[in-house]
Amino acid sequence: MDYFFVILIEILYSIASLVLIGAGLAIIFGMMKVINLAHGEFMMLGGYVTITSVNYGINIFLSILIIAPATVGLIGLVVERLVIRNLYSRLVDTMLATWGLSLFFIGVVTMIFGNTTTGISTPIPGFSIGTYQVGGYNIFIIMISAFLLISAYFILKKTRAGLIARGSMQSAEIASALGYSPDRVYMMTFFCGSALTGLAGAVLAPLVGLVPSSGGAYIAKAFITVIAGGPSLVVGLVSSASLFGIVNQLFTFLYSPVVGEVALLVAAVILLRLLPRGITGSFFKDRL
């Protein structure tokens, strides 16, 4: 029974990690149809902001939950105003521009921090389940992901701001005719997506050693999770993250972490071959 609970916690942790990694991209790509190839670098920036804040004596939870998302959100706001706003509906140009941004961010961070590995310790100690040791910080990540999903669903479904954002993405002309500025809505949506991406990088920072090129480790998983989820934002993210998280952890426990990563990619290829419109393109239609 103890082993079962350990496996359950690790599966939930894997699902929560994929939700965190994909949440910001789900808003920027899923809602705005902007292919942000600098997504991994936004996560990397969130991690570096957290580490720098902690090194200056700021509380680690304040750094993770407030400072990092706000900082990366503001960076995203500048990027949207200077670059992205001129490239909406131009997918290839957006891909090239954001790829250039990713190289720019890697270069800047390398000049500031060097190309050495840096990191911080997890602020929550582990605990025992029988004879097995479980990371307490994993539980924190699960709770953050659950809160994030519930908040996103509530904001997009129940609040005026969420309805305006969804309406503007579906038809900017109608939103403009009703007196709302699509340009401002796009700006704030990109800010929120960037802030969520910074939050993901900050939350995962205590678990990994950061280098300026760390973003490359996240970008593939983020796009796979969001694309496989399909058109529904929250339900799609949850469904694809759950499927891939279960596959990854089961094969990790049965074989090794490397086999688990390979199994995740194979599952994504099979899923997109069978369901080219994603999970919510075939199931859970019209769900948020």
Foldseek 3Di string as FASTA:
>chain_A
DLVVVQLVLQLLLQLLLLLLLQQLVLLCCLQQVQDQPLLLLLLLQLLVQLQVCVVVPDDNVCSLPPVQLQVQLVVLLVCCVPPVVVQRPPHVSRVVVNVVVNVVSLVVCCVVPNQDWDADADPFQWDDRVPDIDGPLSVVSSVVSVVVLVVLCCCLPPHPLNVLLNVCSVPVVVSVVVPDHSSVSSSVSSSNSSSSSSSSSSSCRNVDTRGSPRSVVRSVSNVLQSQQLANARSNSNSVSSSVLSSQLSVLCVVPNNVVSVVSSVVVSVVSCVVVVRHDQVVPPDPHD
